[in-house]
């Protein structure tokens, strides 16, 4: 399962970089940093969610979604908004 997730994440990052080069959009270093932290938190959330469900702990699985999943989505949304606003401004 994690091999397939790794392939999907790699393909998404490759597609993102390709799209950014095609559109002449660049991210600053802090946007990359926030994005990497958000993506790693999202993968951490997925791993712990499925692990908790496998151990028949649905409450722990739900808490992982809330405690680490929500902040990861917020971080990814922040990166998206920063890039979109800077692109719109230029």
PDB file of N, CA and C in Angstrom:
ATOM      1  N   UNK A   1       0.820  -1.191   0.000  1.00  0.00           N
ATOM      2  CA  UNK A   1       0.000   0.000   0.000  1.00  0.00           C
ATOM      3  C   UNK A   1       0.868   1.260   0.000  1.00  0.00           C
ATOM      4  N   UNK A   2       1.922   1.273   0.815  1.00  0.00           N
ATOM      5  CA  UNK A   2       2.740   2.476   0.909  1.00  0.00           C
ATOM      6  C   UNK A   2       3.582   2.689  -0.338  1.00  0.00           C
ATOM      7  N   UNK A   3       3.890   1.602  -1.059  1.00  0.00           N
ATOM      8  CA  UNK A   3       4.599   1.751  -2.324  1.00  0.00           C
ATOM      9  C   UNK A   3       3.733   2.513  -3.326  1.00  0.00           C
ATOM     10  N   UNK A   4       2.466   2.167  -3.376  1.00  0.00           N
ATOM     11  CA  UNK A   4       1.535   2.835  -4.287  1.00  0.00           C
ATOM     12  C   UNK A   4       1.333   4.286  -3.873  1.00  0.00           C
ATOM     13  N   UNK A   5       1.241   4.542  -2.574  1.00  0.00           N
ATOM     14  CA  UNK A   5       1.107   5.918  -2.094  1.00  0.00           C
ATOM     15  C   UNK A   5       2.360   6.723  -2.443  1.00  0.00           C
ATOM     16  N   UNK A   6       3.530   6.108  -2.310  1.00  0.00           N
ATOM     17  CA  UNK A   6       4.771   6.783  -2.687  1.00  0.00           C
ATOM     18  C   UNK A   6       4.822   7.113  -4.164  1.00  0.00           C
ATOM     19  N   UNK A   7       4.368   6.177  -5.000  1.00  0.00           N
ATOM     20  CA  UNK A   7       4.314   6.446  -6.435  1.00  0.00           C
ATOM     21  C   UNK A   7       3.337   7.581  -6.751  1.00  0.00           C
ATOM     22  N   UNK A   8       2.189   7.580  -6.081  1.00  0.00           N
ATOM     23  CA  UNK A   8       1.195   8.629  -6.315  1.00  0.00           C
ATOM     24  C   UNK A   8       1.725   9.993  -5.875  1.00  0.00           C
ATOM     25  N   UNK A   9       2.367  10.060  -4.720  1.00  0.00           N
ATOM     26  CA  UNK A   9       2.918  11.339  -4.238  1.00  0.00           C
ATOM     27  C   UNK A   9       4.024  11.814  -5.175  1.00  0.00           C
ATOM     28  N   UNK A  10       4.878  10.910  -5.614  1.00  0.00           N
ATOM     29  CA  UNK A  10       5.926  11.278  -6.564  1.00  0.00           C
ATOM     30  C   UNK A  10       5.361  11.796  -7.870  1.00  0.00           C
ATOM     31  N   UNK A  11       4.318  11.133  -8.377  1.00  0.00           N
ATOM     32  CA  UNK A  11       3.685  11.579  -9.621  1.00  0.00           C
ATOM     33  C   UNK A  11       3.025  12.941  -9.438  1.00  0.00           C
ATOM     34  N   UNK A  12       2.395  13.157  -8.292  1.00  0.00           N
ATOM     35  CA  UNK A  12       1.774  14.460  -8.036  1.00  0.00           C
ATOM     36  C   UNK A  12       2.813  15.574  -7.944  1.00  0.00           C
ATOM     37  N   UNK A  13       3.929  15.308  -7.264  1.00  0.00           N
ATOM     38  CA  UNK A  13       4.979  16.322  -7.165  1.00  0.00           C
ATOM     39  C   UNK A  13       5.600  16.600  -8.530  1.00  0.00           C
ATOM     40  N   UNK A  14       5.813  15.557  -9.325  1.00  0.00           N
ATOM     41  CA  UNK A  14       6.351  15.744 -10.664  1.00  0.00           C
ATOM     42  C   UNK A  14       5.385  16.558 -11.523  1.00  0.00           C
ATOM     43  N   UNK A  15       4.101  16.250 -11.435  1.00  0.00           N
ATOM     44  CA  UNK A  15       3.096  17.012 -12.168  1.00  0.00           C
ATOM     45  C   UNK A  15       3.024  18.456 -11.713  1.00  0.00           C
ATOM     46  N   UNK A  16       3.155  18.691 -10.406  1.00  0.00           N
ATOM     47  CA  UNK A  16       3.142  20.052  -9.871  1.00  0.00           C
ATOM     48  C   UNK A  16       4.323  20.856 -10.399  1.00  0.00           C
ATOM     49  N   UNK A  17       5.504  20.262 -10.372  1.00  0.00           N
ATOM     50  CA  UNK A  17       6.696  20.961 -10.861  1.00  0.00           C
ATOM     51  C   UNK A  17       6.579  21.221 -12.359  1.00  0.00           C
ATOM     52  N   UNK A  18       6.082  20.248 -13.111  1.00  0.00           N
ATOM     53  CA  UNK A  18       5.899  20.429 -14.545  1.00  0.00           C
ATOM     54  C   UNK A  18       4.907  21.565 -14.828  1.00  0.00           C
ATOM     55  N   UNK A  19       3.813  21.583 -14.093  1.00  0.00           N
ATOM     56  CA  UNK A  19       2.794  22.620 -14.276  1.00  0.00           C
ATOM     57  C   UNK A  19       3.336  23.998 -13.900  1.00  0.00           C
ATOM     58  N   UNK A  20       4.134  24.049 -12.835  1.00  0.00           N
ATOM     59  CA  UNK A  20       4.706  25.328 -12.417  1.00  0.00           C
ATOM     60  C   UNK A  20       5.679  25.868 -13.464  1.00  0.00           C
ATOM     61  N   UNK A  21       6.485  24.992 -14.057  1.00  0.00           N
ATOM     62  CA  UNK A  21       7.414  25.448 -15.091  1.00  0.00           C
ATOM     63  C   UNK A  21       6.671  25.894 -16.338  1.00  0.00           C
ATOM     64  N   UNK A  22       5.608  25.183 -16.679  1.00  0.00           N
ATOM     65  CA  UNK A  22       4.830  25.538 -17.865  1.00  0.00           C
ATOM     66  C   UNK A  22       4.126  26.883 -17.683  1.00  0.00           C
ATOM     67  N   UNK A  23       3.685  27.169 -16.465  1.00  0.00           N
ATOM     68  CA  UNK A  23       2.945  28.400 -16.186  1.00  0.00           C
ATOM     69  C   UNK A  23       3.835  29.539 -15.710  1.00  0.00           C
ATOM     70  N   UNK A  24       5.159  29.311 -15.625  1.00  0.00           N
ATOM     71  CA  UNK A  24       6.114  30.306 -15.118  1.00  0.00           C
ATOM     72  C   UNK A  24       5.746  30.774 -13.710  1.00  0.00           C
ATOM     73  N   UNK A  25       5.368  29.845 -12.856  1.00  0.00           N
ATOM     74  CA  UNK A  25       5.067  30.131 -11.460  1.00  0.00           C
ATOM     75  C   UNK A  25       6.195  29.563 -10.615  1.00  0.00           C
ATOM     76  N   UNK A  26       6.644  30.323  -9.647  1.00  0.00           N
ATOM     77  CA  UNK A  26       7.682  29.819  -8.752  1.00  0.00           C
ATOM     78  C   UNK A  26       7.226  29.990  -7.311  1.00  0.00           C
ATOM     79  N   UNK A  27       7.668  29.086  -6.478  1.00  0.00           N
ATOM     80  CA  UNK A  27       7.361  29.161  -5.053  1.00  0.00           C
ATOM     81  C   UNK A  27       8.597  29.637  -4.309  1.00  0.00           C
ATOM     82  N   UNK A  28       8.387  30.393  -3.261  1.00  0.00           N
ATOM     83  CA  UNK A  28       9.506  30.822  -2.432  1.00  0.00           C
ATOM     84  C   UNK A  28       9.906  29.678  -1.512  1.00  0.00           C
ATOM     85  N   UNK A  29      11.037  29.865  -0.851  1.00  0.00           N
ATOM     86  CA  UNK A  29      11.552  28.775  -0.016  1.00  0.00           C
ATOM     87  C   UNK A  29      10.613  28.448   1.122  1.00  0.00           C
ATOM     88  N   UNK A  30       9.962  29.438   1.711  1.00  0.00           N
ATOM     89  CA  UNK A  30       9.086  29.157   2.837  1.00  0.00           C
ATOM     90  C   UNK A  30       7.789  28.494   2.386  1.00  0.00           C
ATOM     91  N   UNK A  31       7.360  28.757   1.160  1.00  0.00           N
ATOM     92  CA  UNK A  31       6.183  28.050   0.643  1.00  0.00           C
ATOM     93  C   UNK A  31       6.503  26.575   0.424  1.00  0.00           C
ATOM     94  N   UNK A  32       7.708  26.290  -0.087  1.00  0.00           N
ATOM     95  CA  UNK A  32       8.120  24.894  -0.231  1.00  0.00           C
ATOM     96  C   UNK A  32       8.195  24.221   1.139  1.00  0.00           C
ATOM     97  N   UNK A  33       8.756  24.923   2.113  1.00  0.00           N
ATOM     98  CA  UNK A  33       8.902  24.354   3.453  1.00  0.00           C
ATOM     99  C   UNK A  33       7.541  24.058   4.083  1.00  0.00           C
ATOM    100  N   UNK A  34       6.629  25.008   4.012  1.00  0.00           N
ATOM    101  CA  UNK A  34       5.286  24.806   4.566  1.00  0.00           C
ATOM    102  C   UNK A  34       4.576  23.673   3.823  1.00  0.00           C
ATOM    103  N   UNK A  35       4.755  23.612   2.509  1.00  0.00           N
ATOM    104  CA  UNK A  35       4.138  22.550   1.719  1.00  0.00           C
ATOM    105  C   UNK A  35       4.674  21.178   2.068  1.00  0.00           C
ATOM    106  N   UNK A  36       5.987  21.063   2.261  1.00  0.00           N
ATOM    107  CA  UNK A  36       6.580  19.774   2.623  1.00  0.00           C
ATOM    108  C   UNK A  36       6.122  19.350   4.014  1.00  0.00           C
ATOM    109  N   UNK A  37       6.052  20.288   4.935  1.00  0.00           N
ATOM    110  CA  UNK A  37       5.564  19.967   6.283  1.00  0.00           C
ATOM    111  C   UNK A  37       4.104  19.527   6.228  1.00  0.00           C
ATOM    112  N   UNK A  38       3.287  20.244   5.459  1.00  0.00           N
ATOM    113  CA  UNK A  38       1.881  19.877   5.328  1.00  0.00           C
ATOM    114  C   UNK A  38       1.698  18.505   4.694  1.00  0.00           C
ATOM    115  N   UNK A  39       2.474  18.216   3.646  1.00  0.00           N
ATOM    116  CA  UNK A  39       2.374  16.915   2.985  1.00  0.00           C
ATOM    117  C   UNK A  39       2.839  15.790   3.889  1.00  0.00           C
ATOM    118  N   UNK A  40       3.935  16.015   4.625  1.00  0.00           N
ATOM    119  CA  UNK A  40       4.415  14.970   5.530  1.00  0.00           C
ATOM    120  C   UNK A  40       3.424  14.734   6.678  1.00  0.00           C
ATOM    121  N   UNK A  41       2.791  15.804   7.156  1.00  0.00           N
ATOM    122  CA  UNK A  41       1.764  15.625   8.191  1.00  0.00           C
ATOM    123  C   UNK A  41       0.557  14.871   7.647  1.00  0.00           C
ATOM    124  N   UNK A  42       0.206  15.120   6.388  1.00  0.00           N
ATOM    125  CA  UNK A  42      -0.910  14.422   5.773  1.00  0.00           C
ATOM    126  C   UNK A  42      -0.613  12.931   5.610  1.00  0.00           C
ATOM    127  N   UNK A  43       0.606  12.596   5.197  1.00  0.00           N
ATOM    128  CA  UNK A  43       0.995  11.187   5.083  1.00  0.00           C
ATOM    129  C   UNK A  43       1.068  10.528   6.458  1.00  0.00           C
ATOM    130  N   UNK A  44       1.563  11.264   7.450  1.00  0.00           N
ATOM    131  CA  UNK A  44       1.597  10.761   8.822  1.00  0.00           C
ATOM    132  C   UNK A  44       0.193  10.477   9.327  1.00  0.00           C
ATOM    133  N   UNK A  45      -0.734  11.357   9.000  1.00  0.00           N
ATOM    134  CA  UNK A  45      -2.128  11.183   9.391  1.00  0.00           C
ATOM    135  C   UNK A  45      -2.726   9.942   8.751  1.00  0.00           C
ATOM    136  N   UNK A  46      -2.480   9.765   7.463  1.00  0.00           N
ATOM    137  CA  UNK A  46      -3.028   8.600   6.759  1.00  0.00           C
ATOM    138  C   UNK A  46      -2.475   7.303   7.345  1.00  0.00           C
ATOM    139  N   UNK A  47      -1.179   7.280   7.618  1.00  0.00           N
ATOM    140  CA  UNK A  47      -0.566   6.071   8.183  1.00  0.00           C
ATOM    141  C   UNK A  47      -1.145   5.754   9.552  1.00  0.00           C
ATOM    142  N   UNK A  48      -1.278   6.743  10.403  1.00  0.00           N
ATOM    143  CA  UNK A  48      -1.807   6.507  11.737  1.00  0.00           C
ATOM    144  C   UNK A  48      -3.303   6.215  11.730  1.00  0.00           C
ATOM    145  N   UNK A  49      -4.034   6.817  10.803  1.00  0.00           N
ATOM    146  CA  UNK A  49      -5.459   6.546  10.685  1.00  0.00           C
ATOM    147  C   UNK A  49      -5.694   5.079  10.328  1.00  0.00           C
ATOM    148  N   UNK A  50      -5.029   4.608   9.281  1.00  0.00           N
ATOM    149  CA  UNK A  50      -5.224   3.221   8.878  1.00  0.00           C
ATOM    150  C   UNK A  50      -4.654   2.242   9.892  1.00  0.00           C
ATOM    151  N   UNK A  51      -3.566   2.629  10.554  1.00  0.00           N
ATOM    152  CA  UNK A  51      -3.015   1.779  11.609  1.00  0.00           C
ATOM    153  C   UNK A  51      -3.959   1.655  12.792  1.00  0.00           C
ATOM    154  N   UNK A  52      -4.580   2.739  13.163  1.00  0.00           N
ATOM    155  CA  UNK A  52      -5.533   2.700  14.281  1.00  0.00           C
ATOM    156  C   UNK A  52      -6.778   1.911  13.919  1.00  0.00           C
ATOM    157  N   UNK A  53      -7.233   2.029  12.680  1.00  0.00           N
ATOM    158  CA  UNK A  53      -8.384   1.235  12.256  1.00  0.00           C
ATOM    159  C   UNK A  53      -8.039  -0.254  12.220  1.00  0.00           C
ATOM    160  N   UNK A  54      -6.807  -0.579  11.816  1.00  0.00           N
ATOM    161  CA  UNK A  54      -6.381  -1.979  11.781  1.00  0.00           C
ATOM    162  C   UNK A  54      -6.320  -2.572  13.185  1.00  0.00           C
ATOM    163  N   UNK A  55      -6.036  -1.746  14.164  1.00  0.00           N
ATOM    164  CA  UNK A  55      -5.994  -2.205  15.554  1.00  0.00           C
ATOM    165  C   UNK A  55      -7.342  -2.062  16.239  1.00  0.00           C
ATOM    166  N   UNK A  56      -8.377  -1.779  15.494  1.00  0.00           N
ATOM    167  CA  UNK A  56      -9.757  -1.649  15.968  1.00  0.00           C
ATOM    168  C   UNK A  56      -9.843  -0.587  17.065  1.00  0.00           C
ATOM    169  N   UNK A  57      -9.317   0.579  16.735  1.00  0.00           N
ATOM    170  CA  UNK A  57      -9.393   1.744  17.621  1.00  0.00           C
ATOM    171  C   UNK A  57      -9.997   2.908  16.844  1.00  0.00           C
ATOM    172  N   UNK A  58     -11.306   2.894  16.607  1.00  0.00           N
ATOM    173  CA  UNK A  58     -11.904   3.938  15.767  1.00  0.00           C
ATOM    174  C   UNK A  58     -11.841   5.336  16.378  1.00  0.00           C
ATOM    175  N   UNK A  59     -11.883   5.437  17.688  1.00  0.00           N
ATOM    176  CA  UNK A  59     -11.805   6.764  18.317  1.00  0.00           C
ATOM    177  C   UNK A  59     -10.421   7.368  18.119  1.00  0.00           C
ATOM    178  N   UNK A  60      -9.384   6.553  18.257  1.00  0.00           N
ATOM    179  CA  UNK A  60      -8.022   7.041  18.022  1.00  0.00           C
ATOM    180  C   UNK A  60      -7.842   7.444  16.556  1.00  0.00           C
ATOM    181  N   UNK A  61      -8.433   6.673  15.648  1.00  0.00           N
ATOM    182  CA  UNK A  61      -8.347   7.001  14.225  1.00  0.00           C
ATOM    183  C   UNK A  61      -9.009   8.346  13.949  1.00  0.00           C
ATOM    184  N   UNK A  62     -10.154   8.579  14.545  1.00  0.00           N
ATOM    185  CA  UNK A  62     -10.846   9.856  14.356  1.00  0.00           C
ATOM    186  C   UNK A  62     -10.053  11.011  14.951  1.00  0.00           C
ATOM    187  N   UNK A  63      -9.427  10.786  16.077  1.00  0.00           N
ATOM    188  CA  UNK A  63      -8.627  11.841  16.705  1.00  0.00           C
ATOM    189  C   UNK A  63      -7.410  12.189  15.854  1.00  0.00           C
ATOM    190  N   UNK A  64      -6.795  11.180  15.208  1.00  0.00           N
ATOM    191  CA  UNK A  64      -5.672  11.471  14.317  1.00  0.00           C
ATOM    192  C   UNK A  64      -6.124  12.352  13.158  1.00  0.00           C
ATOM    193  N   UNK A  65      -7.314  12.072  12.637  1.00  0.00           N
ATOM    194  CA  UNK A  65      -7.821  12.914  11.553  1.00  0.00           C
ATOM    195  C   UNK A  65      -8.003  14.350  12.014  1.00  0.00           C
ATOM    196  N   UNK A  66      -8.472  14.519  13.224  1.00  0.00           N
ATOM    197  CA  UNK A  66      -8.726  15.856  13.747  1.00  0.00           C
ATOM    198  C   UNK A  66      -7.440  16.573  14.149  1.00  0.00           C
ATOM    199  N   UNK A  67      -6.573  15.882  14.884  1.00  0.00           N
ATOM    200  CA  UNK A  67      -5.406  16.533  15.489  1.00  0.00           C
ATOM    201  C   UNK A  67      -4.276  16.767  14.485  1.00  0.00           C
ATOM    202  N   UNK A  68      -4.035  15.844  13.582  1.00  0.00           N
ATOM    203  CA  UNK A  68      -2.940  16.036  12.621  1.00  0.00           C
ATOM    204  C   UNK A  68      -3.431  16.253  11.191  1.00  0.00           C
ATOM    205  N   UNK A  69      -4.593  15.730  10.853  1.00  0.00           N
ATOM    206  CA  UNK A  69      -5.103  15.875   9.493  1.00  0.00           C
ATOM    207  C   UNK A  69      -5.569  17.281   9.183  1.00  0.00           C
ATOM    208  N   UNK A  70      -6.315  17.859  10.082  1.00  0.00           N
ATOM    209  CA  UNK A  70      -6.822  19.211   9.870  1.00  0.00           C
ATOM    210  C   UNK A  70      -5.697  20.248   9.757  1.00  0.00           C
ATOM    211  N   UNK A  71      -4.700  20.247  10.658  1.00  0.00           N
ATOM    212  CA  UNK A  71      -3.598  21.204  10.489  1.00  0.00           C
ATOM    213  C   UNK A  71      -2.821  20.986   9.191  1.00  0.00           C
ATOM    214  N   UNK A  72      -2.692  19.741   8.743  1.00  0.00           N
ATOM    215  CA  UNK A  72      -1.976  19.512   7.489  1.00  0.00           C
ATOM    216  C   UNK A  72      -2.737  20.115   6.316  1.00  0.00           C
ATOM    217  N   UNK A  73      -4.045  19.979   6.308  1.00  0.00           N
ATOM    218  CA  UNK A  73      -4.842  20.585   5.243  1.00  0.00           C
ATOM    219  C   UNK A  73      -4.795  22.104   5.308  1.00  0.00           C
ATOM    220  N   UNK A  74      -4.752  22.658   6.509  1.00  0.00           N
ATOM    221  CA  UNK A  74      -4.646  24.108   6.669  1.00  0.00           C
ATOM    222  C   UNK A  74      -3.310  24.610   6.128  1.00  0.00           C
ATOM    223  N   UNK A  75      -2.221  23.885   6.429  1.00  0.00           N
ATOM    224  CA  UNK A  75      -0.907  24.278   5.914  1.00  0.00           C
ATOM    225  C   UNK A  75      -0.870  24.224   4.394  1.00  0.00           C
ATOM    226  N   UNK A  76      -1.443  23.185   3.810  1.00  0.00           N
ATOM    227  CA  UNK A  76      -1.466  23.081   2.351  1.00  0.00           C
ATOM    228  C   UNK A  76      -2.328  24.175   1.738  1.00  0.00           C
ATOM    229  N   UNK A  77      -3.410  24.547   2.393  1.00  0.00           N
ATOM    230  CA  UNK A  77      -4.252  25.637   1.896  1.00  0.00           C
ATOM    231  C   UNK A  77      -3.516  26.974   1.992  1.00  0.00           C
ATOM    232  N   UNK A  78      -2.710  27.156   3.022  1.00  0.00           N
ATOM    233  CA  UNK A  78      -1.932  28.390   3.166  1.00  0.00           C
ATOM    234  C   UNK A  78      -0.943  28.523   2.012  1.00  0.00           C
ATOM    235  N   UNK A  79      -0.270  27.431   1.676  1.00  0.00           N
ATOM    236  CA  UNK A  79       0.681  27.467   0.558  1.00  0.00           C
ATOM    237  C   UNK A  79      -0.042  27.807  -0.739  1.00  0.00           C
ATOM    238  N   UNK A  80      -1.184  27.194  -0.946  1.00  0.00           N
ATOM    239  CA  UNK A  80      -1.951  27.442  -2.164  1.00  0.00           C
ATOM    240  C   UNK A  80      -2.366  28.911  -2.238  1.00  0.00           C
ATOM    241  N   UNK A  81      -2.844  29.468  -1.139  1.00  0.00           N
ATOM    242  CA  UNK A  81      -3.278  30.860  -1.129  1.00  0.00           C
ATOM    243  C   UNK A  81      -2.106  31.828  -1.313  1.00  0.00           C
ATOM    244  N   UNK A  82      -0.969  31.552  -0.678  1.00  0.00           N
ATOM    245  CA  UNK A  82       0.200  32.416  -0.850  1.00  0.00           C
ATOM    246  C   UNK A  82       0.634  32.452  -2.307  1.00  0.00           C
ATOM    247  N   UNK A  83       0.699  31.280  -2.926  1.00  0.00           N
ATOM    248  CA  UNK A  83       1.116  31.218  -4.331  1.00  0.00           C
ATOM    249  C   UNK A  83       0.084  31.883  -5.238  1.00  0.00           C
ATOM    250  N   UNK A  84      -1.189  31.659  -4.974  1.00  0.00           N
ATOM    251  CA  UNK A  84      -2.239  32.232  -5.816  1.00  0.00           C
ATOM    252  C   UNK A  84      -2.268  33.754  -5.702  1.00  0.00           C
ATOM    253  N   UNK A  85      -2.104  34.273  -4.528  1.00  0.00           N
ATOM    254  CA  UNK A  85      -2.132  35.728  -4.348  1.00  0.00           C
ATOM    255  C   UNK A  85      -0.932  36.397  -4.977  1.00  0.00           C
ATOM    256  N   UNK A  86       0.240  35.766  -4.864  1.00  0.00           N
ATOM    257  CA  UNK A  86       1.435  36.358  -5.473  1.00  0.00           C
ATOM    258  C   UNK A  86       1.349  36.301  -6.997  1.00  0.00           C
ATOM    259  N   UNK A  87       0.788  35.236  -7.538  1.00  0.00           N
ATOM    260  CA  UNK A  87       0.631  35.113  -8.978  1.00  0.00           C
ATOM    261  C   UNK A  87      -0.403  36.122  -9.492  1.00  0.00           C
ATOM    262  N   UNK A  88      -1.471  36.313  -8.744  1.00  0.00           N
ATOM    263  CA  UNK A  88      -2.512  37.267  -9.142  1.00  0.00           C
ATOM    264  C   UNK A  88      -1.974  38.704  -9.094  1.00  0.00           C
ATOM    265  N   UNK A  89      -1.118  38.971  -8.120  1.00  0.00           N
ATOM    266  CA  UNK A  89      -0.568  40.309  -7.940  1.00  0.00           C
ATOM    267  C   UNK A  89       0.358  40.696  -9.094  1.00  0.00           C
ATOM    268  N   UNK A  90       1.117  39.738  -9.596  1.00  0.00           N
ATOM    269  CA  UNK A  90       2.116  40.026 -10.658  1.00  0.00           C
ATOM    270  C   UNK A  90       1.513  40.133 -12.024  1.00  0.00           C
TER     271      UNK A  90
END
